[in-house]
Protein backbone atom coordinates (compact mmCIF):
# COMPACT_ATOMS: atom_id res chain seq x y z
CA MET A 1 53.75 46.38 -36.20
CA PRO A 2 57.36 46.59 -34.52
CA THR A 3 60.16 46.45 -36.85
CA PHE A 4 63.24 44.70 -36.78
CA GLN A 5 67.16 45.66 -37.84
CA ASN A 6 70.04 43.11 -37.81
CA ARG A 7 73.45 44.84 -36.73
CA ALA A 8 76.57 44.04 -38.68
CA ASP A 9 77.86 43.04 -34.40
CA ASN A 10 75.48 40.72 -34.60
CA GLY A 11 72.95 43.01 -32.66
CA CYS A 12 69.43 43.46 -33.22
CA THR A 13 67.51 47.00 -33.22
CA ALA A 14 63.85 46.81 -32.14
CA ARG A 15 61.23 49.88 -33.18
CA ILE A 16 57.79 50.45 -32.12
CA ARG A 17 55.30 52.74 -33.40
CA LEU A 18 52.27 52.61 -32.03
CA LYS A 19 49.51 54.91 -30.74
CA GLY A 20 52.24 58.08 -31.13
CA HIS A 21 54.25 56.23 -29.34
CA VAL A 22 57.66 55.58 -30.71
CA ASP A 23 60.81 53.69 -29.43
CA SER A 24 63.68 51.66 -30.41
CA MET A 25 66.49 49.41 -28.05
CA THR A 26 68.98 47.74 -29.73
CA PHE A 27 69.89 44.06 -28.17
CA TYR A 28 73.06 41.65 -28.10
CA PRO A 29 72.96 37.96 -27.69
CA SER A 30 72.29 37.01 -23.78
CA ALA A 31 71.50 34.21 -21.33
CA GLY A 32 71.43 31.56 -24.80
CA LYS A 33 68.89 33.67 -26.16
CA THR A 34 69.28 35.57 -30.02
CA ALA A 35 69.31 39.37 -30.07
CA ARG A 36 66.72 38.80 -32.21
CA GLN A 37 64.35 36.89 -29.58
CA LEU A 38 65.27 39.48 -27.02
CA ALA A 39 64.03 41.90 -29.27
CA GLU A 40 60.88 40.64 -30.18
CA LYS A 41 60.11 40.26 -26.64
CA TRP A 42 60.60 43.61 -25.82
CA ALA A 43 58.82 45.08 -28.70
CA ARG A 44 55.80 42.57 -27.34
CA ASP A 45 55.95 44.05 -24.08
CA GLU A 46 56.41 47.77 -24.68
CA GLU A 47 53.21 47.12 -27.27
CA GLU A 48 51.37 45.82 -24.38
CA LYS A 49 52.69 48.60 -22.29
CA ILE A 50 51.37 51.19 -24.51
CA LEU A 51 47.77 49.48 -25.29
CA GLU A 52 47.18 49.24 -21.13
CA GLY A 53 48.17 52.72 -20.76
CA ASN A 54 51.50 52.07 -18.82
CA PHE A 55 53.98 52.65 -21.19
CA VAL A 56 57.15 54.83 -20.29
CA SER A 57 60.02 55.39 -22.91
CA ALA A 58 63.40 53.94 -22.76
CA LYS A 59 65.18 57.39 -23.69
CA LYS A 60 66.20 57.91 -19.98
CA ALA A 61 67.88 54.90 -19.56
CA ARG A 62 69.90 55.07 -22.80
CA LYS A 63 70.67 58.49 -22.01
CA THR A 64 71.44 57.66 -18.16
CA THR A 65 74.87 56.58 -16.91
CA LEU A 66 74.62 53.95 -13.96
CA THR A 67 77.08 56.55 -11.90
CA GLN A 68 74.55 59.03 -12.60
CA ALA A 69 71.63 56.72 -11.83
CA LEU A 70 73.68 56.31 -8.83
CA ASP A 71 73.56 59.97 -7.77
CA ASP A 72 70.16 60.40 -8.00
CA TYR A 73 69.02 57.34 -5.78
CA GLU A 74 71.26 58.62 -3.13
CA ASN A 75 70.16 62.21 -3.18
CA ASN A 76 66.56 61.85 -3.71
CA PHE A 77 66.16 58.53 -1.47
CA ALA A 78 68.96 57.09 -0.18
CA LYS A 79 69.83 59.70 2.24
CA LYS A 80 66.07 59.79 3.82
CA LEU A 81 66.35 55.70 4.88
CA LYS A 82 67.17 55.06 8.32
CA GLY A 83 69.97 53.13 7.29
CA TYR A 84 71.66 54.77 4.94
CA HIS A 85 75.18 55.30 6.94
CA ILE A 86 75.48 51.65 5.62
CA GLU A 87 73.22 52.12 1.98
CA ARG A 88 75.89 54.55 1.55
CA TYR A 89 79.23 52.25 1.30
CA ARG A 90 77.45 49.70 -1.03
CA ILE A 91 76.49 52.93 -3.16
CA GLU A 92 79.69 53.81 -3.10
CA ALA A 93 81.30 49.89 -3.98
CA TRP A 94 78.78 50.36 -7.19
CA ARG A 95 80.83 53.81 -8.12
CA LEU A 96 83.70 51.66 -8.34
CA TRP A 97 82.52 48.75 -10.77
CA LYS A 98 83.63 48.27 -13.83
CA TYR A 99 80.62 48.95 -15.85
CA LYS A 100 79.57 52.34 -13.69
CA ASP A 101 79.88 54.25 -17.35
CA SER A 102 77.91 52.39 -18.83
CA LYS A 103 74.26 53.59 -20.00
CA LEU A 104 71.06 51.90 -18.15
CA SER A 105 69.69 50.30 -21.07
CA GLU A 106 73.65 48.63 -21.35
CA LEU A 107 73.57 46.75 -18.26
CA SER A 108 72.75 42.59 -19.21
CA GLU A 109 72.28 39.80 -17.21
CA ALA A 110 75.69 38.81 -17.97
CA MET A 111 77.25 41.63 -16.47
CA PHE A 112 75.80 41.20 -13.17
CA ASN A 113 76.39 37.55 -13.41
CA GLU A 114 79.67 38.38 -13.82
CA TYR A 115 79.65 40.58 -10.89
CA ARG A 116 77.99 37.64 -8.75
CA ASP A 117 80.58 35.10 -9.48
CA ASP A 118 83.82 37.58 -8.48
CA ARG A 119 82.18 39.00 -5.14
CA ARG A 120 81.25 34.80 -4.60
CA LEU A 121 84.69 34.36 -4.06
CA TYR A 122 84.98 36.53 -0.87
CA VAL A 123 81.25 36.78 0.36
CA LYS A 124 78.15 34.61 0.67
CA ASP A 125 75.06 35.21 -1.51
CA GLY A 126 73.01 36.72 1.26
CA SER A 127 75.80 39.52 1.20
CA ILE A 128 75.37 39.67 -3.00
CA ARG A 129 71.69 40.08 -2.48
CA LEU A 130 72.33 43.08 -0.19
CA ASP A 131 74.65 44.74 -2.34
CA LEU A 132 72.34 44.10 -5.29
CA ALA A 133 69.21 45.63 -3.50
CA VAL A 134 70.86 48.89 -4.41
CA ILE A 135 70.14 48.23 -8.34
CA THR A 136 66.75 47.21 -7.65
CA ALA A 137 65.99 50.14 -5.66
CA ILE A 138 67.18 52.84 -8.43
CA PHE A 139 64.90 50.92 -10.84
CA SER A 140 62.04 51.03 -8.23
CA ASN A 141 62.45 54.57 -7.13
CA THR A 142 62.61 55.79 -10.92
CA ARG A 143 60.76 54.99 -13.96
CA TYR A 144 63.65 54.50 -16.93
CA GLY A 145 61.28 52.07 -18.80
CA ILE A 146 63.39 48.82 -18.66
CA GLU A 147 63.35 46.02 -16.37
CA ASN A 148 65.35 45.83 -13.78
CA PRO A 149 68.77 43.84 -15.43
CA ALA A 150 69.63 42.80 -12.10
CA ALA A 151 66.23 40.69 -11.53
CA PRO A 152 67.62 37.23 -13.36
CA THR A 153 70.82 37.45 -11.36
CA ILE A 154 69.07 37.95 -8.10
CA SER A 155 66.91 34.96 -8.50
CA THR A 156 69.84 32.91 -8.77
CA LEU A 157 71.26 33.74 -5.63
CA ALA A 158 70.66 31.18 -2.37
CA PRO A 159 67.47 32.07 -0.13
CA THR A 160 69.01 33.94 2.68
CA GLU A 161 69.94 31.48 5.25
CA LYS A 162 67.46 31.96 8.53
CA ARG A 163 69.93 32.30 11.78
CA ASP A 164 68.70 30.38 14.91
CA ARG A 165 72.05 31.20 16.74
CA ARG A 166 70.67 30.63 20.59
CA LEU A 167 72.91 32.10 23.78
CA PHE A 168 74.08 28.66 25.80
CA LYS A 169 73.95 29.25 29.60
CA THR A 170 77.77 28.95 30.13
CA GLU A 171 78.57 31.46 27.04
CA GLN A 172 75.81 33.85 28.64
CA THR A 173 78.13 33.53 31.94
CA TYR A 174 81.42 34.16 30.61
CA LEU A 175 80.25 36.74 28.31
CA LEU A 176 78.96 38.99 31.06
CA ASP A 177 81.72 38.57 32.83
CA ALA A 178 84.25 39.58 30.22
CA LEU A 179 81.42 42.62 29.45
CA PHE A 180 81.91 43.92 33.36
CA ASN A 181 85.74 43.33 33.24
CA THR A 182 86.66 45.03 30.16
CA GLN A 183 90.74 45.00 31.54
CA CYS A 184 90.97 48.39 29.91
CA SER A 185 94.75 49.42 30.95
CA ASP A 186 92.94 53.04 31.99
CA PRO A 187 90.25 52.35 33.65
CA LYS A 188 88.43 56.18 32.89
CA ARG A 189 88.63 55.17 29.50
CA ALA A 190 86.47 51.83 30.15
CA ASN A 191 82.75 51.72 28.50
CA GLU A 192 80.81 51.25 31.63
CA TYR A 193 77.95 51.33 29.48
CA LEU A 194 78.46 48.08 27.19
CA PRO A 195 77.62 45.33 29.99
CA LEU A 196 74.23 47.55 30.61
CA VAL A 197 73.75 47.58 26.88
CA ALA A 198 74.04 44.17 26.37
CA ILE A 199 71.51 43.28 29.23
CA PHE A 200 68.85 46.21 28.02
CA ALA A 201 69.04 44.18 24.78
CA ILE A 202 68.74 40.32 26.29
CA GLU A 203 65.82 41.87 28.65
CA THR A 204 63.93 44.14 26.11
CA ALA A 205 64.28 42.45 22.33
CA CYS A 206 65.26 45.78 21.41
CA ARG A 207 67.44 46.54 18.46
CA LEU A 208 70.78 48.31 19.42
CA SER A 209 69.96 51.18 16.88
CA GLU A 210 66.51 51.42 19.88
CA ILE A 211 68.85 51.27 22.75
CA VAL A 212 71.74 53.64 21.79
CA PRO A 213 71.49 56.87 19.97
CA ARG A 214 72.61 56.93 16.47
CA THR A 215 75.04 59.82 15.68
CA SER A 216 76.74 61.44 12.67
CA LYS A 217 79.60 63.82 11.73
CA ASN A 218 79.70 66.39 9.23
CA LYS A 219 82.67 65.85 7.08
CA GLU A 220 83.27 69.79 6.56
CA THR A 221 82.31 71.24 10.75
CA GLY A 222 83.56 68.33 12.22
CA LYS A 223 80.37 68.63 14.48
CA THR A 224 78.97 65.27 16.01
CA THR A 225 75.34 64.99 16.07
CA VAL A 226 73.00 63.34 17.62
CA HIS A 227 69.90 61.88 16.88
CA THR A 228 66.61 61.55 18.78
CA THR A 229 66.80 57.78 18.05
CA GLY A 230 67.74 55.43 20.78
CA LEU A 231 66.99 55.45 24.35
CA LEU A 232 65.97 58.79 26.14
CA ARG A 233 65.83 59.55 29.95
CA GLU A 234 62.87 61.86 29.91
CA ASN A 235 61.07 58.12 28.16
CA VAL A 236 61.40 56.33 30.58
CA GLN A 237 58.74 55.37 33.67
CA ILE A 238 59.87 53.57 36.16
CA ASP A 239 56.45 52.13 38.29
CA GLY A 240 57.37 49.41 40.06
CA ASN A 241 56.21 46.16 38.01
CA LYS A 242 54.73 48.00 35.18
CA SER A 243 58.07 50.14 34.37
CA VAL A 244 58.08 51.11 30.51
CA ALA A 245 59.92 52.97 27.99
CA ARG A 246 59.20 54.59 24.58
CA ILE A 247 60.69 54.49 21.69
CA PHE A 248 60.32 56.92 18.85
CA ASP A 249 60.95 56.34 15.76
CA THR A 250 61.96 52.69 15.11
CA LYS A 251 63.65 51.12 12.58
CA ASN A 252 59.98 50.34 11.08
CA GLY A 253 59.10 53.62 11.34
CA THR A 254 56.33 53.81 14.22
CA ASP A 255 56.76 54.66 17.85
CA ARG A 256 56.58 51.70 20.59
CA TRP A 257 56.15 50.95 24.14
CA VAL A 258 58.53 48.50 25.75
CA PRO A 259 57.97 46.78 29.11
CA LEU A 260 61.01 46.73 31.69
CA THR A 261 61.65 43.89 33.47
CA PRO A 262 63.39 44.08 37.09
CA ALA A 263 66.90 43.38 35.28
CA ALA A 264 66.43 45.99 32.68
CA ILE A 265 65.28 48.95 35.32
CA GLU A 266 68.06 47.65 37.46
CA ALA A 267 70.38 48.52 33.89
CA TYR A 268 69.22 52.11 33.26
CA ARG A 269 69.53 52.58 37.15
CA ARG A 270 72.98 51.97 37.01
CA ALA A 271 73.44 54.25 34.26
CA LEU A 272 72.10 56.85 35.80
CA GLU A 273 74.28 56.43 38.62
CA ILE A 274 77.40 57.03 35.86
CA ASP A 275 75.64 60.01 34.45
CA PRO A 276 72.57 61.01 36.75
CA SER A 277 71.25 63.59 33.76
CA LEU A 278 67.60 63.27 33.56
CA ARG A 279 67.22 64.23 29.66
CA GLY A 280 68.95 62.41 26.75
CA PRO A 281 70.41 59.01 25.80
CA VAL A 282 70.30 56.70 28.73
CA PHE A 283 73.16 54.85 27.72
CA ARG A 284 75.95 57.58 26.64
CA THR A 285 77.86 56.28 24.46
CA THR A 286 77.62 55.21 20.62
CA VAL A 287 76.86 52.09 18.59
CA SER A 288 80.29 51.92 17.32
CA ALA A 289 81.86 52.06 20.91
CA ILE A 290 79.18 48.96 21.47
CA LYS A 291 80.39 46.98 18.48
CA GLN A 292 83.86 47.41 19.03
CA GLY A 293 83.83 46.51 22.89
CA TRP A 294 81.64 43.58 22.17
CA GLN A 295 83.91 42.02 19.71
CA ARG A 296 86.68 42.42 22.18
CA ALA A 297 84.83 40.85 25.22
CA LYS A 298 83.44 38.22 23.20
CA LYS A 299 87.28 37.14 22.29
CA ARG A 300 88.34 37.73 26.35
CA ALA A 301 85.45 35.37 26.96
CA ILE A 302 86.52 32.59 24.63
CA ASN A 303 90.26 33.05 25.62
CA GLU A 304 88.84 32.57 29.03
CA PHE A 305 86.38 29.61 28.08
CA PHE A 306 89.85 27.63 26.70
CA LYS A 307 92.00 28.55 29.42
CA ASP A 308 89.57 27.05 32.10
CA GLY A 309 89.61 24.15 30.06
CA GLY A 310 86.77 24.60 27.82
CA THR A 311 86.76 22.63 24.37
CA ASP A 312 83.64 23.15 22.63
CA ILE A 313 85.08 25.27 19.50
CA LYS A 314 81.86 26.54 18.25
CA PHE A 315 81.74 28.50 22.29
CA LEU A 316 80.47 31.72 21.28
CA ALA A 317 81.20 30.87 17.66
CA ASN A 318 79.19 33.48 15.23
CA PHE A 319 77.16 35.11 17.77
CA ARG A 320 76.53 38.68 17.64
CA PHE A 321 75.14 41.47 19.20
CA HIS A 322 71.57 41.27 17.51
CA ASP A 323 71.61 37.94 18.28
CA LEU A 324 70.33 39.14 21.74
CA ARG A 325 67.26 40.64 19.74
CA HIS A 326 66.68 36.75 18.77
CA GLU A 327 67.78 35.53 22.27
CA ALA A 328 65.01 37.81 23.99
CA ALA A 329 62.10 37.01 21.61
CA SER A 330 62.92 33.07 22.01
CA ARG A 331 62.88 33.35 25.89
CA TRP A 332 59.94 35.21 26.28
CA LYS A 333 57.81 32.95 23.48
CA LYS A 334 57.37 30.37 26.34
CA TYR A 335 55.10 32.87 28.31
CA PHE A 336 53.48 35.04 25.73
CA ASP A 337 51.21 34.67 22.55
CA VAL A 338 52.24 35.72 19.03
CA ILE A 339 50.28 38.86 19.47
CA LYS A 340 52.14 39.85 22.79
CA LEU A 341 55.50 39.04 21.40
CA LYS A 342 55.03 41.11 17.89
CA ASP A 343 54.07 43.80 20.60
CA LEU A 344 57.49 43.25 22.20
CA THR A 345 59.59 43.49 19.82
CA GLY A 346 57.88 45.58 17.75
CA HIS A 347 57.65 43.61 14.24
CA LYS A 348 54.72 45.03 11.94
CA ASP A 349 53.65 40.92 11.28
CA ILE A 350 53.79 37.60 12.52
CA ARG A 351 55.58 36.28 9.65
CA SER A 352 58.66 38.59 10.53
CA LEU A 353 58.67 37.76 14.12
CA SER A 354 58.94 34.05 13.40
CA ARG A 355 62.22 34.34 11.74
CA TYR A 356 63.06 35.55 15.62
CA LEU A 357 61.99 32.42 17.31
CA HIS A 358 64.00 29.14 18.23
CA SER A 359 63.62 27.11 20.45
CA ASP A 360 66.84 25.19 22.41
CA GLU A 361 67.51 22.37 24.22
CA ASP A 362 66.29 23.10 27.57
CA ASP A 363 62.80 24.67 25.30
CA VAL A 364 62.55 20.82 23.81
CA LYS A 365 63.16 19.14 27.20
CA GLU A 366 60.34 21.40 29.02
CA MET A 367 58.08 20.52 25.62
CA ALA A 368 58.52 16.64 26.37
CA LYS A 369 57.72 17.09 30.05
CA GLU A 370 54.55 18.76 29.47
CA MET A 371 53.78 16.17 26.56
CA SER A 372 54.44 13.31 29.23
CA GLU A 373 52.25 14.83 31.24
CA ILE A 374 49.34 15.43 29.29
CA GLN A 375 49.38 11.72 27.91
CA ASN A 376 50.05 10.15 31.15
CA GLN A 377 46.67 12.21 32.46
CA ASN A 378 44.82 10.80 29.13
CA VAL A 379 45.90 7.30 29.66
CA ALA A 380 44.29 7.85 33.28
CA ALA A 381 41.02 9.42 31.83
CA GLY A 382 40.70 6.37 29.71
CA ASP A 383 41.33 8.01 26.57
CA LYS A 384 41.28 5.51 23.53
CA LYS A 385 43.25 7.21 21.22
CA MET A 386 46.05 7.42 23.18
CA ILE A 387 48.82 4.38 22.57
CA VAL A 388 49.72 2.06 25.36
CA PHE A 389 52.42 -0.95 25.00
CA PRO A 390 50.85 -4.22 25.96
CA THR A 391 52.01 -5.31 29.08
CA LYS A 392 52.84 -8.78 28.08
CA LYS A 393 54.19 -10.29 24.72
CA ARG A 394 52.64 -12.39 22.51
CA ALA A 395 53.45 -15.98 22.67
């Protein structure tokens, strides 16, 4: 049986001793529960784990600070992630948190609720969820003998908003014009690959990281390393209307073949005109350069739109480069079933793919046309289930 000892500072220490396992934990009032209630729940859960053979001592959590846990997570796990270049910024942010020197066992729901409320002044819940994912990863990759203290806070966040942004015809016209006309003061410095990368993305539904190779710079030596991800010239096979490209080590860890449309092939050929090398990246630029050029081009497109008399304040608003991938998938869904679409986009399951498929006004109009044709054909064939209005009103 567990034992409990009340503390002078309103805390309560629970001790368990069962089958040779000895452990203890001190609790304080939190989330509307008394310290004794929290201690009793912990003791019940720990004894249940011991009986089931799943017990892990919480001693490591009482000795390890959040900063130490962040170091362990970064060095042993995060650095192996494809998205480490983004993950490390979130890790650094947690290293500046006011509770960074607290032991893991001391971290509480109240602390993370405070973090959530502070962050809500600047960002949406989706961003907070990504921040707290670092804390979840710490406890997922290393067994500290306690539950993730950020889990209750995560459950209070609003669901991630599903992006359904489509590119309208007028937006595409102005955007492509701005991408091809960089208006750079020095033509030699203009990024000629920018419009080609954008077109390749909207034609193939490829991620930017699959089109442009990722690079990293060693802070000590200053040497830049080009990774093997991205579209490489030696992996492109031009064969008329059966042209394809193979992309290795994609975001989800698999390799895949990508079918190339005539427009995608033209983007590839124009890239060869810029640099005729037979090996290496097709588009010899960087992800950073594309993102910066994209923002400048989008701003020019918006300015030109309003200069020409446009009045839509939502014109190209909140349209991101990654939305080109959504746009491509949504365009091709009219012609292929979900199995073929999954092969095109590289998604592992249909549920993930469905988040990329959105119908715009033209799609729905086309659907209305097809429904009308089907209904008229069925009425002509005498289908009794079809609704037909009476020709005369009742007297």
